[in-house]
Amino acid sequence: MALLISSLNVIVGLFLSVGSLTKRFPKWLRQLCHTLGALPLAIPNVVLALSLMMLFSQVLAFTKLYGTLTILLIADVTLFLPTTVQYLTTALKAFDSELLASARIFEPSFGRIILKIALPILWPALLNSFVMAFIATSRELVVALLLLPSGMTTVSTFIYQSFEQGEAAAGMALAVLTVALTFIGLIAANHLQSATKPVRQPNGISWHSNR
């Protein structure tokens, strides 16, 4: 679930970041993307979870999504969206759009331009966003307690229930494992970033190393 939520978080955050910075879009659309990317900061976790419960149990009851993992997925993607949007917006502001215009002269395929030029440059921001969303999602407790379907559990709810039921040893063991996985994820992200960072050549040309 954390991997899926983190992936969706990055995809949605990238669309909102691009939408808020693209000057070809109308001003109201750019403002809407900016607002959607920052609005979850003003909504507490409990309020968001309860709002989704009421929405899918009453207004959208015909969708039959209440009591499924879909609601938890929507809640977590929404909850951690501002962090992703902040990372990606900062990276996109520093991105030189003239690179894409120059690349169009030699490469007619816009998809190849994105894969060969834009994606390697934005890779650190995308990776940071994914890792931070993964860490935050795997530790989220309030939303998971309120929206998790019956009979299912997550890392955070298992640790909470272990302490509530007097099985502190099991909860502490999983907590230590969660912290260890967090450090491993951060170290792996830093290693991947250093492996693809630009290398400056004596003639002033920089290229992305691929060790």
N, C-alpha and C. Protein backbone atom coordinates (compact mmCIF):
# COMPACT_ATOMS: atom_id res chain seq x y z
N MET A 1 0.83 -1.20 0.00
CA MET A 1 0.00 0.00 0.00
C MET A 1 0.86 1.26 0.00
N ALA A 2 1.94 1.24 0.79
CA ALA A 2 2.81 2.42 0.85
C ALA A 2 3.47 2.68 -0.49
N LEU A 3 3.89 1.62 -1.18
CA LEU A 3 4.50 1.78 -2.50
C LEU A 3 3.49 2.35 -3.50
N LEU A 4 2.27 1.83 -3.47
CA LEU A 4 1.23 2.31 -4.39
C LEU A 4 0.86 3.75 -4.09
N ILE A 5 0.68 4.07 -2.82
CA ILE A 5 0.31 5.43 -2.43
C ILE A 5 1.41 6.41 -2.79
N SER A 6 2.66 6.04 -2.56
CA SER A 6 3.78 6.92 -2.89
C SER A 6 3.87 7.17 -4.39
N SER A 7 3.65 6.14 -5.19
CA SER A 7 3.69 6.29 -6.64
C SER A 7 2.58 7.22 -7.12
N LEU A 8 1.36 7.01 -6.64
CA LEU A 8 0.25 7.88 -7.02
C LEU A 8 0.47 9.30 -6.53
N ASN A 9 1.06 9.43 -5.36
CA ASN A 9 1.34 10.75 -4.81
C ASN A 9 2.28 11.53 -5.72
N VAL A 10 3.32 10.88 -6.20
CA VAL A 10 4.28 11.53 -7.10
C VAL A 10 3.62 11.90 -8.42
N ILE A 11 2.79 11.01 -8.97
CA ILE A 11 2.14 11.28 -10.25
C ILE A 11 1.18 12.47 -10.13
N VAL A 12 0.32 12.44 -9.12
CA VAL A 12 -0.63 13.54 -8.93
C VAL A 12 0.10 14.84 -8.61
N GLY A 13 1.12 14.77 -7.75
CA GLY A 13 1.88 15.96 -7.41
C GLY A 13 2.59 16.56 -8.61
N LEU A 14 3.09 15.71 -9.52
CA LEU A 14 3.76 16.22 -10.72
C LEU A 14 2.77 16.95 -11.63
N PHE A 15 1.58 16.39 -11.79
CA PHE A 15 0.57 17.05 -12.62
C PHE A 15 0.18 18.41 -12.03
N LEU A 16 -0.01 18.47 -10.71
CA LEU A 16 -0.38 19.73 -10.07
C LEU A 16 0.75 20.75 -10.15
N SER A 17 1.98 20.30 -10.00
CA SER A 17 3.12 21.21 -10.07
C SER A 17 3.28 21.78 -11.47
N VAL A 18 3.18 20.90 -12.47
CA VAL A 18 3.28 21.37 -13.86
C VAL A 18 2.11 22.30 -14.18
N GLY A 19 0.91 21.96 -13.72
CA GLY A 19 -0.25 22.79 -13.99
C GLY A 19 -0.16 24.17 -13.36
N SER A 20 0.44 24.25 -12.18
CA SER A 20 0.53 25.54 -11.49
C SER A 20 1.62 26.45 -12.07
N LEU A 21 2.56 25.88 -12.84
CA LEU A 21 3.68 26.67 -13.36
C LEU A 21 3.62 26.90 -14.87
N THR A 22 2.75 26.17 -15.57
CA THR A 22 2.66 26.31 -17.03
C THR A 22 1.91 27.59 -17.39
N LYS A 23 2.61 28.52 -18.01
CA LYS A 23 2.01 29.81 -18.33
C LYS A 23 1.02 29.74 -19.48
N ARG A 24 1.03 28.64 -20.22
CA ARG A 24 0.06 28.49 -21.31
C ARG A 24 -1.34 28.22 -20.78
N PHE A 25 -1.44 27.74 -19.55
CA PHE A 25 -2.75 27.47 -18.96
C PHE A 25 -3.38 28.77 -18.49
N PRO A 26 -4.71 28.83 -18.44
CA PRO A 26 -5.37 30.03 -17.90
C PRO A 26 -4.97 30.27 -16.44
N LYS A 27 -5.07 31.51 -16.02
CA LYS A 27 -4.66 31.86 -14.67
C LYS A 27 -5.48 31.13 -13.62
N TRP A 28 -6.79 30.97 -13.88
CA TRP A 28 -7.64 30.31 -12.90
C TRP A 28 -7.27 28.84 -12.75
N LEU A 29 -6.82 28.21 -13.85
CA LEU A 29 -6.43 26.81 -13.78
C LEU A 29 -5.12 26.66 -13.01
N ARG A 30 -4.17 27.57 -13.24
CA ARG A 30 -2.92 27.52 -12.49
C ARG A 30 -3.16 27.74 -11.00
N GLN A 31 -4.06 28.66 -10.69
CA GLN A 31 -4.37 28.94 -9.29
C GLN A 31 -5.08 27.74 -8.66
N LEU A 32 -5.93 27.08 -9.43
CA LEU A 32 -6.62 25.90 -8.92
C LEU A 32 -5.62 24.78 -8.60
N CYS A 33 -4.67 24.54 -9.49
CA CYS A 33 -3.65 23.52 -9.24
C CYS A 33 -2.82 23.86 -8.01
N HIS A 34 -2.48 25.13 -7.87
CA HIS A 34 -1.71 25.56 -6.70
C HIS A 34 -2.50 25.36 -5.41
N THR A 35 -3.79 25.70 -5.46
CA THR A 35 -4.64 25.56 -4.27
C THR A 35 -4.82 24.09 -3.88
N LEU A 36 -5.06 23.24 -4.88
CA LEU A 36 -5.23 21.82 -4.60
C LEU A 36 -3.97 21.20 -4.01
N GLY A 37 -2.81 21.70 -4.43
CA GLY A 37 -1.56 21.17 -3.92
C GLY A 37 -1.24 21.60 -2.51
N ALA A 38 -1.81 22.73 -2.07
CA ALA A 38 -1.52 23.25 -0.74
C ALA A 38 -2.67 23.07 0.24
N LEU A 39 -3.88 22.84 -0.24
CA LEU A 39 -5.06 22.77 0.61
C LEU A 39 -4.98 21.71 1.71
N PRO A 40 -4.44 20.50 1.45
CA PRO A 40 -4.41 19.50 2.52
C PRO A 40 -3.64 19.92 3.76
N LEU A 41 -2.77 20.93 3.65
CA LEU A 41 -2.05 21.41 4.82
C LEU A 41 -3.00 22.00 5.86
N ALA A 42 -4.14 22.51 5.41
CA ALA A 42 -5.09 23.13 6.32
C ALA A 42 -6.11 22.15 6.88
N ILE A 43 -6.02 20.89 6.49
CA ILE A 43 -7.01 19.89 6.93
C ILE A 43 -6.33 18.91 7.87
N PRO A 44 -6.74 18.85 9.14
CA PRO A 44 -6.17 17.86 10.06
C PRO A 44 -6.48 16.43 9.63
N ASN A 45 -5.67 15.51 10.08
CA ASN A 45 -5.83 14.11 9.68
C ASN A 45 -7.20 13.57 10.05
N VAL A 46 -7.64 13.88 11.27
CA VAL A 46 -8.92 13.36 11.74
C VAL A 46 -10.07 13.91 10.91
N VAL A 47 -10.01 15.20 10.61
CA VAL A 47 -11.07 15.83 9.82
C VAL A 47 -11.13 15.23 8.43
N LEU A 48 -9.98 15.00 7.82
CA LEU A 48 -9.94 14.40 6.50
C LEU A 48 -10.54 13.00 6.51
N ALA A 49 -10.15 12.19 7.50
CA ALA A 49 -10.64 10.82 7.58
C ALA A 49 -12.16 10.79 7.81
N LEU A 50 -12.65 11.61 8.73
CA LEU A 50 -14.08 11.64 9.01
C LEU A 50 -14.88 12.17 7.81
N SER A 51 -14.31 13.14 7.10
CA SER A 51 -15.00 13.68 5.92
C SER A 51 -15.14 12.62 4.84
N LEU A 52 -14.09 11.84 4.63
CA LEU A 52 -14.16 10.78 3.63
C LEU A 52 -15.14 9.68 4.06
N MET A 53 -15.18 9.40 5.36
CA MET A 53 -16.14 8.41 5.85
C MET A 53 -17.56 8.85 5.56
N MET A 54 -17.89 10.10 5.85
CA MET A 54 -19.24 10.61 5.60
C MET A 54 -19.54 10.70 4.12
N LEU A 55 -18.54 11.09 3.32
CA LEU A 55 -18.75 11.24 1.89
C LEU A 55 -19.09 9.92 1.23
N PHE A 56 -18.30 8.88 1.53
CA PHE A 56 -18.49 7.61 0.84
C PHE A 56 -19.55 6.72 1.51
N SER A 57 -19.95 7.04 2.73
CA SER A 57 -21.00 6.25 3.37
C SER A 57 -22.38 6.85 3.17
N GLN A 58 -22.47 8.13 2.77
CA GLN A 58 -23.76 8.78 2.60
C GLN A 58 -23.94 9.33 1.18
N VAL A 59 -23.14 10.35 0.83
CA VAL A 59 -23.32 11.01 -0.46
C VAL A 59 -22.97 10.07 -1.61
N LEU A 60 -21.85 9.38 -1.50
CA LEU A 60 -21.41 8.48 -2.57
C LEU A 60 -21.54 7.02 -2.16
N ALA A 61 -22.61 6.72 -1.46
CA ALA A 61 -22.80 5.34 -1.00
C ALA A 61 -23.00 4.38 -2.16
N PHE A 62 -23.49 4.88 -3.30
CA PHE A 62 -23.75 4.00 -4.45
C PHE A 62 -22.46 3.45 -5.05
N THR A 63 -21.31 4.07 -4.76
CA THR A 63 -20.04 3.57 -5.28
C THR A 63 -19.57 2.32 -4.55
N LYS A 64 -20.13 2.07 -3.36
CA LYS A 64 -19.78 0.90 -2.55
C LYS A 64 -18.28 0.84 -2.22
N LEU A 65 -17.67 2.01 -2.10
CA LEU A 65 -16.25 2.07 -1.75
C LEU A 65 -16.02 2.18 -0.26
N TYR A 66 -17.09 2.46 0.48
CA TYR A 66 -16.94 2.58 1.93
C TYR A 66 -16.55 1.23 2.52
N GLY A 67 -15.53 1.23 3.35
CA GLY A 67 -15.04 0.00 3.95
C GLY A 67 -14.02 -0.73 3.10
N THR A 68 -13.50 -0.07 2.05
CA THR A 68 -12.48 -0.68 1.19
C THR A 68 -11.16 0.09 1.33
N LEU A 69 -10.12 -0.47 0.74
CA LEU A 69 -8.81 0.17 0.80
C LEU A 69 -8.74 1.42 -0.07
N THR A 70 -9.69 1.57 -0.96
CA THR A 70 -9.67 2.73 -1.86
C THR A 70 -9.75 4.03 -1.09
N ILE A 71 -10.57 4.08 -0.05
CA ILE A 71 -10.72 5.29 0.75
C ILE A 71 -9.41 5.61 1.47
N LEU A 72 -8.77 4.60 2.01
CA LEU A 72 -7.48 4.81 2.67
C LEU A 72 -6.45 5.32 1.68
N LEU A 73 -6.48 4.80 0.47
CA LEU A 73 -5.55 5.24 -0.57
C LEU A 73 -5.79 6.72 -0.91
N ILE A 74 -7.06 7.09 -1.08
CA ILE A 74 -7.39 8.48 -1.39
C ILE A 74 -6.95 9.40 -0.27
N ALA A 75 -7.18 8.99 0.97
CA ALA A 75 -6.84 9.81 2.12
C ALA A 75 -5.34 10.04 2.23
N ASP A 76 -4.55 8.98 2.07
CA ASP A 76 -3.11 9.11 2.21
C ASP A 76 -2.50 9.90 1.07
N VAL A 77 -2.99 9.71 -0.15
CA VAL A 77 -2.48 10.49 -1.27
C VAL A 77 -2.76 11.97 -1.05
N THR A 78 -3.97 12.28 -0.59
CA THR A 78 -4.33 13.67 -0.32
C THR A 78 -3.53 14.25 0.82
N LEU A 79 -3.32 13.47 1.86
CA LEU A 79 -2.68 13.95 3.08
C LEU A 79 -1.24 14.37 2.84
N PHE A 80 -0.50 13.60 2.05
CA PHE A 80 0.92 13.86 1.86
C PHE A 80 1.22 14.54 0.53
N LEU A 81 0.20 15.01 -0.14
CA LEU A 81 0.38 15.68 -1.43
C LEU A 81 1.17 16.99 -1.33
N PRO A 82 0.94 17.85 -0.32
CA PRO A 82 1.67 19.13 -0.27
C PRO A 82 3.18 18.97 -0.24
N THR A 83 3.69 17.96 0.47
CA THR A 83 5.14 17.76 0.52
C THR A 83 5.68 17.44 -0.87
N THR A 84 5.00 16.56 -1.58
CA THR A 84 5.42 16.20 -2.93
C THR A 84 5.36 17.40 -3.87
N VAL A 85 4.28 18.16 -3.79
CA VAL A 85 4.13 19.34 -4.65
C VAL A 85 5.23 20.36 -4.37
N GLN A 86 5.59 20.51 -3.11
CA GLN A 86 6.65 21.46 -2.76
C GLN A 86 7.99 21.05 -3.36
N TYR A 87 8.34 19.78 -3.24
CA TYR A 87 9.59 19.28 -3.82
C TYR A 87 9.60 19.49 -5.34
N LEU A 88 8.53 19.08 -6.00
CA LEU A 88 8.50 19.11 -7.46
C LEU A 88 8.38 20.53 -8.00
N THR A 89 7.64 21.38 -7.31
CA THR A 89 7.53 22.77 -7.76
C THR A 89 8.87 23.47 -7.69
N THR A 90 9.62 23.24 -6.62
CA THR A 90 10.96 23.83 -6.50
C THR A 90 11.86 23.34 -7.62
N ALA A 91 11.80 22.05 -7.93
CA ALA A 91 12.64 21.49 -8.99
C ALA A 91 12.24 22.05 -10.36
N LEU A 92 10.94 22.19 -10.61
CA LEU A 92 10.48 22.69 -11.90
C LEU A 92 10.82 24.17 -12.08
N LYS A 93 10.81 24.95 -11.01
CA LYS A 93 11.19 26.36 -11.11
C LYS A 93 12.66 26.51 -11.49
N ALA A 94 13.49 25.57 -11.02
CA ALA A 94 14.91 25.62 -11.35
C ALA A 94 15.22 25.00 -12.71
N PHE A 95 14.24 24.36 -13.30
CA PHE A 95 14.45 23.70 -14.59
C PHE A 95 14.43 24.74 -15.72
N ASP A 96 15.42 24.70 -16.57
CA ASP A 96 15.53 25.63 -17.70
C ASP A 96 14.67 25.12 -18.86
N SER A 97 13.58 25.80 -19.13
CA SER A 97 12.67 25.36 -20.19
C SER A 97 13.29 25.49 -21.58
N GLU A 98 14.35 26.28 -21.70
CA GLU A 98 14.99 26.42 -23.00
C GLU A 98 15.65 25.12 -23.45
N LEU A 99 15.95 24.23 -22.49
CA LEU A 99 16.51 22.94 -22.86
C LEU A 99 15.54 22.15 -23.73
N LEU A 100 14.26 22.20 -23.36
CA LEU A 100 13.26 21.49 -24.15
C LEU A 100 13.09 22.11 -25.53
N ALA A 101 13.12 23.44 -25.57
CA ALA A 101 12.97 24.12 -26.87
C ALA A 101 14.15 23.81 -27.79
N SER A 102 15.34 23.74 -27.22
CA SER A 102 16.51 23.41 -28.03
C SER A 102 16.47 21.96 -28.50
N ALA A 103 15.98 21.09 -27.62
CA ALA A 103 15.93 19.66 -27.98
C ALA A 103 14.93 19.40 -29.10
N ARG A 104 13.89 20.22 -29.22
CA ARG A 104 12.89 20.01 -30.27
C ARG A 104 13.49 20.20 -31.67
N ILE A 105 14.63 20.91 -31.73
CA ILE A 105 15.26 21.12 -33.03
C ILE A 105 15.83 19.82 -33.58
N PHE A 106 16.35 18.98 -32.66
CA PHE A 106 17.02 17.74 -33.08
C PHE A 106 16.17 16.50 -32.86
N GLU A 107 15.15 16.59 -32.01
CA GLU A 107 14.34 15.42 -31.70
C GLU A 107 12.85 15.77 -31.81
N PRO A 108 12.15 15.25 -32.82
CA PRO A 108 10.73 15.59 -32.97
C PRO A 108 9.83 14.93 -31.95
N SER A 109 10.26 13.83 -31.36
CA SER A 109 9.43 13.10 -30.40
C SER A 109 9.52 13.76 -29.03
N PHE A 110 8.39 14.32 -28.60
CA PHE A 110 8.37 14.99 -27.29
C PHE A 110 8.55 13.98 -26.16
N GLY A 111 8.06 12.76 -26.36
CA GLY A 111 8.21 11.74 -25.33
C GLY A 111 9.66 11.40 -25.07
N ARG A 112 10.45 11.30 -26.13
CA ARG A 112 11.88 11.00 -25.98
C ARG A 112 12.61 12.16 -25.32
N ILE A 113 12.17 13.38 -25.59
CA ILE A 113 12.78 14.54 -24.94
C ILE A 113 12.55 14.50 -23.43
N ILE A 114 11.33 14.14 -23.05
CA ILE A 114 11.03 14.05 -21.62
C ILE A 114 11.87 12.95 -20.96
N LEU A 115 11.99 11.81 -21.62
CA LEU A 115 12.73 10.68 -21.05
C LEU A 115 14.23 10.93 -21.01
N LYS A 116 14.75 11.61 -22.02
CA LYS A 116 16.19 11.78 -22.13
C LYS A 116 16.71 13.04 -21.45
N ILE A 117 15.88 14.06 -21.31
CA ILE A 117 16.35 15.34 -20.76
C ILE A 117 15.65 15.71 -19.46
N ALA A 118 14.31 15.80 -19.51
CA ALA A 118 13.58 16.29 -18.34
C ALA A 118 13.64 15.31 -17.18
N LEU A 119 13.42 14.03 -17.46
CA LEU A 119 13.37 13.05 -16.38
C LEU A 119 14.70 12.92 -15.62
N PRO A 120 15.86 12.85 -16.30
CA PRO A 120 17.11 12.80 -15.53
C PRO A 120 17.36 14.02 -14.66
N ILE A 121 16.94 15.20 -15.14
CA ILE A 121 17.14 16.41 -14.35
C ILE A 121 16.21 16.44 -13.14
N LEU A 122 14.97 15.99 -13.32
CA LEU A 122 13.99 16.01 -12.24
C LEU A 122 14.07 14.77 -11.35
N TRP A 123 14.92 13.82 -11.70
CA TRP A 123 15.00 12.56 -10.97
C TRP A 123 15.25 12.74 -9.46
N PRO A 124 16.17 13.60 -9.00
CA PRO A 124 16.35 13.76 -7.55
C PRO A 124 15.09 14.21 -6.82
N ALA A 125 14.36 15.16 -7.40
CA ALA A 125 13.13 15.64 -6.77
C ALA A 125 12.07 14.56 -6.75
N LEU A 126 11.94 13.81 -7.84
CA LEU A 126 10.97 12.71 -7.89
C LEU A 126 11.31 11.64 -6.87
N LEU A 127 12.59 11.31 -6.75
CA LEU A 127 13.01 10.28 -5.80
C LEU A 127 12.80 10.73 -4.36
N ASN A 128 13.15 11.98 -4.06
CA ASN A 128 12.93 12.50 -2.71
C ASN A 128 11.45 12.49 -2.35
N SER A 129 10.62 12.90 -3.29
CA SER A 129 9.18 12.92 -3.05
C SER A 129 8.64 11.52 -2.77
N PHE A 130 9.09 10.56 -3.57
CA PHE A 130 8.64 9.17 -3.39
C PHE A 130 9.07 8.62 -2.03
N VAL A 131 10.33 8.83 -1.66
CA VAL A 131 10.84 8.29 -0.40
C VAL A 131 10.14 8.93 0.79
N MET A 132 9.96 10.25 0.77
CA MET A 132 9.30 10.92 1.90
C MET A 132 7.84 10.50 2.01
N ALA A 133 7.16 10.35 0.88
CA ALA A 133 5.77 9.89 0.93
C ALA A 133 5.69 8.46 1.43
N PHE A 134 6.64 7.62 1.04
CA PHE A 134 6.65 6.23 1.50
C PHE A 134 6.85 6.15 3.01
N ILE A 135 7.80 6.92 3.53
CA ILE A 135 8.07 6.92 4.97
C ILE A 135 6.87 7.43 5.75
N ALA A 136 6.29 8.53 5.29
CA ALA A 136 5.14 9.11 6.00
C ALA A 136 3.93 8.19 5.94
N THR A 137 3.70 7.56 4.80
CA THR A 137 2.54 6.67 4.66
C THR A 137 2.66 5.44 5.54
N SER A 138 3.85 4.87 5.60
CA SER A 138 4.03 3.65 6.39
C SER A 138 3.89 3.91 7.88
N ARG A 139 3.99 5.17 8.29
CA ARG A 139 3.89 5.50 9.72
C ARG A 139 2.56 6.13 10.10
N GLU A 140 1.74 6.45 9.14
CA GLU A 140 0.47 7.13 9.42
C GLU A 140 -0.44 6.24 10.26
N LEU A 141 -0.94 6.78 11.36
CA LEU A 141 -1.75 6.00 12.30
C LEU A 141 -3.20 6.44 12.34
N VAL A 142 -3.44 7.76 12.44
CA VAL A 142 -4.80 8.26 12.65
C VAL A 142 -5.72 7.87 11.50
N VAL A 143 -5.31 8.14 10.27
CA VAL A 143 -6.14 7.81 9.11
C VAL A 143 -6.32 6.31 8.98
N ALA A 144 -5.27 5.55 9.26
CA ALA A 144 -5.36 4.09 9.16
C ALA A 144 -6.35 3.52 10.18
N LEU A 145 -6.35 4.05 11.40
CA LEU A 145 -7.27 3.55 12.42
C LEU A 145 -8.72 3.82 12.05
N LEU A 146 -8.98 4.94 11.39
CA LEU A 146 -10.36 5.33 11.08
C LEU A 146 -10.88 4.72 9.78
N LEU A 147 -10.00 4.50 8.82
CA LEU A 147 -10.45 4.10 7.49
C LEU A 147 -10.05 2.69 7.09
N LEU A 148 -9.19 2.04 7.85
CA LEU A 148 -8.73 0.71 7.45
C LEU A 148 -9.88 -0.29 7.52
N PRO A 149 -10.09 -1.09 6.49
CA PRO A 149 -11.17 -2.08 6.51
C PRO A 149 -10.99 -3.09 7.64
N SER A 150 -12.09 -3.66 8.06
CA SER A 150 -12.06 -4.65 9.13
C SER A 150 -11.27 -5.88 8.70
N GLY A 151 -10.46 -6.38 9.62
CA GLY A 151 -9.67 -7.57 9.35
C GLY A 151 -8.32 -7.29 8.72
N MET A 152 -8.01 -6.03 8.41
CA MET A 152 -6.73 -5.68 7.81
C MET A 152 -5.94 -4.81 8.78
N THR A 153 -4.64 -4.83 8.62
CA THR A 153 -3.78 -4.04 9.51
C THR A 153 -2.60 -3.50 8.73
N THR A 154 -2.03 -2.44 9.25
CA THR A 154 -0.82 -1.85 8.68
C THR A 154 0.27 -1.87 9.75
N VAL A 155 1.44 -1.39 9.39
CA VAL A 155 2.55 -1.36 10.35
C VAL A 155 2.18 -0.52 11.56
N SER A 156 1.66 0.68 11.31
CA SER A 156 1.34 1.59 12.41
C SER A 156 0.22 1.05 13.30
N THR A 157 -0.83 0.49 12.68
CA THR A 157 -1.92 -0.04 13.49
C THR A 157 -1.50 -1.29 14.26
N PHE A 158 -0.60 -2.10 13.68
CA PHE A 158 -0.12 -3.29 14.39
C PHE A 158 0.68 -2.88 15.63
N ILE A 159 1.54 -1.88 15.49
CA ILE A 159 2.31 -1.40 16.64
C ILE A 159 1.37 -0.85 17.71
N TYR A 160 0.38 -0.07 17.29
CA TYR A 160 -0.57 0.52 18.24
C TYR A 160 -1.36 -0.58 18.97
N GLN A 161 -1.87 -1.53 18.22
CA GLN A 161 -2.64 -2.61 18.83
C GLN A 161 -1.79 -3.49 19.74
N SER A 162 -0.52 -3.66 19.40
CA SER A 162 0.37 -4.47 20.24
C SER A 162 0.54 -3.85 21.62
N PHE A 163 0.71 -2.55 21.68
CA PHE A 163 0.84 -1.88 22.98
C PHE A 163 -0.49 -1.86 23.72
N GLU A 164 -1.60 -1.71 22.97
CA GLU A 164 -2.91 -1.70 23.62
C GLU A 164 -3.25 -3.06 24.22
N GLN A 165 -2.80 -4.14 23.61
CA GLN A 165 -3.10 -5.49 24.07
C GLN A 165 -2.04 -6.06 25.00
N GLY A 166 -1.08 -5.25 25.38
CA GLY A 166 -0.05 -5.70 26.30
C GLY A 166 1.06 -6.51 25.68
N GLU A 167 1.16 -6.52 24.36
CA GLU A 167 2.23 -7.24 23.68
C GLU A 167 3.27 -6.22 23.19
N ALA A 168 3.92 -5.60 24.18
CA ALA A 168 4.85 -4.52 23.85
C ALA A 168 6.05 -5.02 23.07
N ALA A 169 6.48 -6.24 23.34
CA ALA A 169 7.67 -6.77 22.67
C ALA A 169 7.49 -6.82 21.15
N ALA A 170 6.33 -7.32 20.72
CA ALA A 170 6.08 -7.40 19.28
C ALA A 170 6.00 -6.01 18.65
N GLY A 171 5.34 -5.08 19.35
CA GLY A 171 5.24 -3.72 18.84
C GLY A 171 6.59 -3.03 18.75
N MET A 172 7.42 -3.20 19.78
CA MET A 172 8.73 -2.58 19.79
C MET A 172 9.64 -3.18 18.70
N ALA A 173 9.52 -4.50 18.48
CA ALA A 173 10.33 -5.14 17.44
C ALA A 173 9.99 -4.59 16.06
N LEU A 174 8.70 -4.44 15.78
CA LEU A 174 8.29 -3.91 14.49
C LEU A 174 8.65 -2.43 14.37
N ALA A 175 8.59 -1.70 15.48
CA ALA A 175 8.97 -0.28 15.46
C ALA A 175 10.45 -0.12 15.11
N VAL A 176 11.29 -0.96 15.71
CA VAL A 176 12.72 -0.91 15.39
C VAL A 176 12.95 -1.26 13.93
N LEU A 177 12.23 -2.27 13.43
CA LEU A 177 12.36 -2.65 12.02
C LEU A 177 11.92 -1.52 11.11
N THR A 178 10.86 -0.81 11.49
CA THR A 178 10.37 0.31 10.68
C THR A 178 11.40 1.43 10.61
N VAL A 179 12.03 1.74 11.75
CA VAL A 179 13.07 2.77 11.76
C VAL A 179 14.26 2.34 10.90
N ALA A 180 14.63 1.07 10.98
CA ALA A 180 15.74 0.57 10.18
C ALA A 180 15.43 0.67 8.69
N LEU A 181 14.21 0.31 8.30
CA LEU A 181 13.82 0.43 6.90
C LEU A 181 13.81 1.88 6.43
N THR A 182 13.47 2.80 7.34
CA THR A 182 13.49 4.22 7.01
C THR A 182 14.91 4.66 6.67
N PHE A 183 15.87 4.28 7.52
CA PHE A 183 17.26 4.64 7.25
C PHE A 183 17.76 4.01 5.96
N ILE A 184 17.37 2.76 5.71
CA ILE A 184 17.80 2.09 4.48
C ILE A 184 17.24 2.82 3.26
N GLY A 185 15.97 3.23 3.34
CA GLY A 185 15.37 3.96 2.23
C GLY A 185 16.06 5.28 1.96
N LEU A 186 16.40 6.03 3.02
CA LEU A 186 17.08 7.31 2.85
C LEU A 186 18.48 7.12 2.28
N ILE A 187 19.20 6.10 2.77
CA ILE A 187 20.54 5.84 2.27
C ILE A 187 20.49 5.43 0.79
N ALA A 188 19.52 4.57 0.44
CA ALA A 188 19.38 4.15 -0.95
C ALA A 188 19.05 5.33 -1.86
N ALA A 189 18.18 6.23 -1.39
CA ALA A 189 17.83 7.41 -2.19
C ALA A 189 19.05 8.30 -2.40
N ASN A 190 19.84 8.51 -1.35
CA ASN A 190 21.05 9.33 -1.49
C ASN A 190 22.06 8.67 -2.43
N HIS A 191 22.15 7.35 -2.37
CA HIS A 191 23.09 6.65 -3.25
C HIS A 191 22.66 6.77 -4.71
N LEU A 192 21.36 6.64 -4.97
CA LEU A 192 20.88 6.77 -6.34
C LEU A 192 21.07 8.17 -6.88
N GLN A 193 20.89 9.17 -6.01
CA GLN A 193 21.10 10.55 -6.45
C GLN A 193 22.56 10.81 -6.78
N SER A 194 23.47 10.32 -5.93
CA SER A 194 24.90 10.52 -6.19
C SER A 194 25.36 9.76 -7.42
N ALA A 195 24.68 8.65 -7.73
CA ALA A 195 25.07 7.85 -8.90
C ALA A 195 24.64 8.49 -10.21
N THR A 196 23.69 9.42 -10.15
CA THR A 196 23.19 10.07 -11.38
C THR A 196 23.41 11.57 -11.39
N LYS A 197 24.23 12.08 -10.48
CA LYS A 197 24.44 13.52 -10.44
C LYS A 197 25.32 13.96 -11.60
N PRO A 198 25.20 15.22 -12.05
CA PRO A 198 25.99 15.68 -13.18
C PRO A 198 27.47 15.68 -12.85
N VAL A 199 28.29 15.31 -13.83
CA VAL A 199 29.73 15.31 -13.69
C VAL A 199 30.30 16.41 -14.57
N ARG A 200 31.08 17.31 -14.00
CA ARG A 200 31.63 18.44 -14.74
C ARG A 200 32.93 18.03 -15.43
N GLN A 201 32.97 18.25 -16.72
CA GLN A 201 34.14 17.93 -17.51
C GLN A 201 35.04 19.15 -17.64
N PRO A 202 36.32 18.94 -18.00
CA PRO A 202 37.24 20.08 -18.13
C PRO A 202 36.79 21.10 -19.15
N ASN A 203 36.08 20.67 -20.21
CA ASN A 203 35.65 21.62 -21.23
C ASN A 203 34.37 22.34 -20.88
N GLY A 204 33.86 22.10 -19.65
CA GLY A 204 32.67 22.81 -19.18
C GLY A 204 31.38 22.09 -19.46
N ILE A 205 31.42 20.96 -20.19
CA ILE A 205 30.22 20.22 -20.50
C ILE A 205 29.89 19.28 -19.36
N SER A 206 28.65 19.22 -18.96
CA SER A 206 28.24 18.34 -17.87
C SER A 206 27.36 17.25 -18.42
N TRP A 207 27.50 16.06 -17.86
CA TRP A 207 26.67 14.93 -18.27
C TRP A 207 26.35 14.13 -17.03
N HIS A 208 25.30 13.28 -17.11
CA HIS A 208 24.86 12.48 -15.97
C HIS A 208 25.61 11.16 -15.97
N SER A 209 26.29 10.92 -14.85
CA SER A 209 27.00 9.66 -14.74
C SER A 209 26.02 8.54 -14.52
N ASN A 210 26.38 7.33 -14.91
CA ASN A 210 25.49 6.18 -14.79
C ASN A 210 26.30 4.99 -14.29
N ARG A 211 26.71 5.08 -13.06
CA ARG A 211 27.55 4.03 -12.48
C ARG A 211 26.71 2.79 -12.15
